[in-house]
C-alpha atoms as a PDB file:
ATOM      1  CA  MET A   1     -12.910 -29.610  33.414  1.00  0.00           C
ATOM      2  CA  ASN A   2     -14.090 -30.002  29.826  1.00  0.00           C
ATOM      3  CA  THR A   3     -15.690 -33.291  28.877  1.00  0.00           C
ATOM      4  CA  ILE A   4     -17.446 -34.653  25.804  1.00  0.00           C
ATOM      5  CA  PRO A   5     -21.124 -33.828  26.207  1.00  0.00           C
ATOM      6  CA  LEU A   6     -23.659 -36.707  26.216  1.00  0.00           C
ATOM      7  CA  HIS A   7     -27.377 -36.673  25.673  1.00  0.00           C
ATOM      8  CA  TYR A   8     -29.678 -39.628  26.371  1.00  0.00           C
ATOM      9  CA  LYS A   9     -33.415 -39.957  25.959  1.00  0.00           C
ATOM     10  CA  VAL A  10     -34.888 -41.716  29.018  1.00  0.00           C
ATOM     11  CA  ILE A  11     -37.485 -44.229  27.746  1.00  0.00           C
ATOM     12  CA  TYR A  12     -40.118 -46.076  29.803  1.00  0.00           C
ATOM     13  CA  LYS A  13     -40.599 -49.478  28.189  1.00  0.00           C
ATOM     14  CA  ASN A  14     -43.201 -51.678  29.860  1.00  0.00           C
ATOM     15  CA  GLY A  15     -45.887 -52.135  27.243  1.00  0.00           C
ATOM     16  CA  ASP A  16     -45.649 -48.489  26.309  1.00  0.00           C
ATOM     17  CA  ARG A  17     -42.441 -46.980  24.912  1.00  0.00           C
ATOM     18  CA  LEU A  18     -42.549 -43.399  26.089  1.00  0.00           C
ATOM     19  CA  ASP A  19     -39.857 -40.749  26.104  1.00  0.00           C
ATOM     20  CA  ILE A  20     -40.186 -39.339  29.638  1.00  0.00           C
ATOM     21  CA  ALA A  21     -36.972 -37.379  30.214  1.00  0.00           C
ATOM     22  CA  ASP A  22     -33.611 -36.210  28.972  1.00  0.00           C
ATOM     23  CA  PHE A  23     -30.330 -37.047  30.723  1.00  0.00           C
ATOM     24  CA  ARG A  24     -27.255 -35.030  29.819  1.00  0.00           C
ATOM     25  CA  ARG A  25     -23.599 -34.604  30.692  1.00  0.00           C
ATOM     26  CA  THR A  26     -22.505 -31.079  29.773  1.00  0.00           C
ATOM     27  CA  VAL A  27     -19.147 -29.846  28.479  1.00  0.00           C
ATOM     28  CA  SER A  28     -18.282 -28.735  32.045  1.00  0.00           C
ATOM     29  CA  GLY A  29     -18.992 -32.270  33.330  1.00  0.00           C
ATOM     30  CA  ASN A  30     -22.279 -31.484  35.115  1.00  0.00           C
ATOM     31  CA  PHE A  31     -25.287 -33.757  34.894  1.00  0.00           C
ATOM     32  CA  ILE A  32     -28.842 -32.709  34.045  1.00  0.00           C
ATOM     33  CA  PHE A  33     -31.957 -34.855  34.355  1.00  0.00           C
ATOM     34  CA  GLU A  34     -35.031 -33.134  32.975  1.00  0.00           C
ATOM     35  CA  TYR A  35     -38.577 -34.514  32.689  1.00  0.00           C
ATOM     36  CA  LYS A  36     -40.620 -33.943  29.559  1.00  0.00           C
ATOM     37  CA  GLU A  37     -43.909 -32.073  30.026  1.00  0.00           C
ATOM     38  CA  ASN A  38     -46.380 -34.160  32.068  1.00  0.00           C
ATOM     39  CA  PRO A  39     -44.552 -37.513  31.963  1.00  0.00           C
ATOM     40  CA  LYS A  40     -46.895 -40.506  32.223  1.00  0.00           C
ATOM     41  CA  TYR A  41     -44.256 -42.475  34.152  1.00  0.00           C
ATOM     42  CA  LEU A  42     -41.645 -41.317  36.657  1.00  0.00           C
ATOM     43  CA  PHE A  43     -38.018 -42.320  37.059  1.00  0.00           C
ATOM     44  CA  PRO A  44     -37.247 -43.599  40.581  1.00  0.00           C
ATOM     45  CA  GLY A  45     -35.659 -40.954  42.796  1.00  0.00           C
ATOM     46  CA  PHE A  46     -36.718 -37.967  40.698  1.00  0.00           C
ATOM     47  CA  SER A  47     -39.914 -36.280  41.885  1.00  0.00           C
ATOM     48  CA  PRO A  48     -42.244 -34.799  39.243  1.00  0.00           C
ATOM     49  CA  ASN A  49     -42.554 -31.743  41.509  1.00  0.00           C
ATOM     50  CA  GLN A  50     -39.160 -30.655  40.230  1.00  0.00           C
ATOM     51  CA  LYS A  51     -38.851 -30.847  36.466  1.00  0.00           C
ATOM     52  CA  LYS A  52     -35.085 -30.305  36.158  1.00  0.00           C
ATOM     53  CA  TYR A  53     -32.285 -31.670  38.337  1.00  0.00           C
ATOM     54  CA  GLU A  54     -28.643 -30.626  38.088  1.00  0.00           C
ATOM     55  CA  SER A  55     -25.582 -32.071  39.848  1.00  0.00           C
ATOM     56  CA  ASN A  56     -21.808 -32.271  39.493  1.00  0.00           C
ATOM     57  CA  VAL A  57     -21.884 -35.993  40.388  1.00  0.00           C
ATOM     58  CA  LEU A  58     -23.815 -38.830  38.713  1.00  0.00           C
ATOM     59  CA  TRP A  59     -26.939 -39.745  40.681  1.00  0.00           C
ATOM     60  CA  GLU A  60     -26.812 -43.172  42.331  1.00  0.00           C
ATOM     61  CA  GLN A  61     -30.287 -44.030  41.017  1.00  0.00           C
ATOM     62  CA  ILE A  62     -28.833 -43.865  37.499  1.00  0.00           C
ATOM     63  CA  ALA A  63     -25.345 -45.235  38.180  1.00  0.00           C
ATOM     64  CA  PHE A  64     -26.426 -48.475  39.840  1.00  0.00           C
ATOM     65  CA  ARG A  65     -28.511 -49.499  36.792  1.00  0.00           C
ATOM     66  CA  VAL A  66     -25.450 -50.178  34.626  1.00  0.00           C
ATOM     67  CA  PRO A  67     -25.044 -53.985  34.699  1.00  0.00           C
ATOM     68  CA  ASN A  68     -21.893 -55.359  36.368  1.00  0.00           C
ATOM     69  CA  SER A  69     -21.069 -57.361  33.214  1.00  0.00           C
ATOM     70  CA  ILE A  70     -20.672 -54.068  31.334  1.00  0.00           C
ATOM     71  CA  ARG A  71     -18.814 -52.353  34.192  1.00  0.00           C
ATOM     72  CA  ASN A  72     -16.343 -55.255  34.308  1.00  0.00           C
ATOM     73  CA  GLN A  73     -15.692 -55.120  30.540  1.00  0.00           C
ATOM     74  CA  PHE A  74     -14.903 -51.386  30.649  1.00  0.00           C
ATOM     75  CA  PRO A  75     -13.543 -50.632  34.140  1.00  0.00           C
ATOM     76  CA  SER A  76     -11.991 -47.246  33.286  1.00  0.00           C
ATOM     77  CA  VAL A  77     -15.030 -45.837  31.408  1.00  0.00           C
ATOM     78  CA  PRO A  78     -17.294 -43.432  33.329  1.00  0.00           C
ATOM     79  CA  LEU A  79     -20.683 -44.936  34.168  1.00  0.00           C
ATOM     80  CA  GLU A  80     -22.614 -42.296  32.221  1.00  0.00           C
ATOM     81  CA  GLU A  81     -20.721 -43.371  29.088  1.00  0.00           C
ATOM     82  CA  LEU A  82     -21.392 -47.031  29.810  1.00  0.00           C
ATOM     83  CA  LEU A  83     -25.141 -46.358  29.503  1.00  0.00           C
ATOM     84  CA  ALA A  84     -24.543 -46.270  25.747  1.00  0.00           C
ATOM     85  CA  LYS A  85     -23.048 -49.775  25.853  1.00  0.00           C
ATOM     86  CA  THR A  86     -26.077 -51.342  27.556  1.00  0.00           C
ATOM     87  CA  SER A  87     -28.172 -51.420  24.349  1.00  0.00           C
ATOM     88  CA  GLY A  88     -30.921 -49.999  26.499  1.00  0.00           C
ATOM     89  CA  ARG A  89     -30.949 -52.956  28.909  1.00  0.00           C
ATOM     90  CA  LEU A  90     -30.543 -51.761  32.477  1.00  0.00           C
ATOM     91  CA  VAL A  91     -30.620 -53.513  35.804  1.00  0.00           C
ATOM     92  CA  THR A  92     -33.900 -53.782  37.757  1.00  0.00           C
ATOM     93  CA  ASP A  93     -36.503 -51.795  35.919  1.00  0.00           C
ATOM     94  CA  HIS A  94     -38.430 -50.756  32.808  1.00  0.00           C
ATOM     95  CA  PHE A  95     -36.234 -47.871  31.634  1.00  0.00           C
ATOM     96  CA  GLU A  96     -33.620 -47.500  28.973  1.00  0.00           C
ATOM     97  CA  PHE A  97     -31.211 -44.721  28.087  1.00  0.00           C
ATOM     98  CA  ILE A  98     -30.900 -44.142  24.354  1.00  0.00           C
ATOM     99  CA  LEU A  99     -27.881 -42.114  23.266  1.00  0.00           C
ATOM    100  CA  THR A 100     -28.896 -39.381  20.828  1.00  0.00           C
ATOM    101  CA  THR A 101     -26.831 -37.597  18.224  1.00  0.00           C
ATOM    102  CA  GLU A 102     -27.968 -34.194  19.456  1.00  0.00           C
ATOM    103  CA  THR A 103     -25.118 -32.138  20.831  1.00  0.00           C
ATOM    104  CA  ASP A 104     -25.268 -30.275  24.080  1.00  0.00           C
ATOM    105  CA  THR A 105     -23.310 -27.040  24.223  1.00  0.00           C
ATOM    106  CA  GLN A 106     -24.175 -26.126  27.796  1.00  0.00           C
ATOM    107  CA  VAL A 107     -21.248 -25.136  29.963  1.00  0.00           C
END
């Protein structure tokens, strides 16, 4: 399966605004969550003991943060693409996903 790759910067935004990780969807449709070196804050569900996570399904700890109001407006759009429509405002916490213009050529 070939998909359009996505790349988000994961930002912690409670007083500080720190880039703590990268979240990607690759051309092959896999997902990668990768912490920056020595992140000051951690994203729930991703231990700092493992820097890079890979999966062929979107992690629930990311998926549930897309607000229902956005899900309802775009019911056929994959949740990882809806992160771009949140304007950085997610449900329940102090994180935002900022879509970057960097391309990801990983397969």
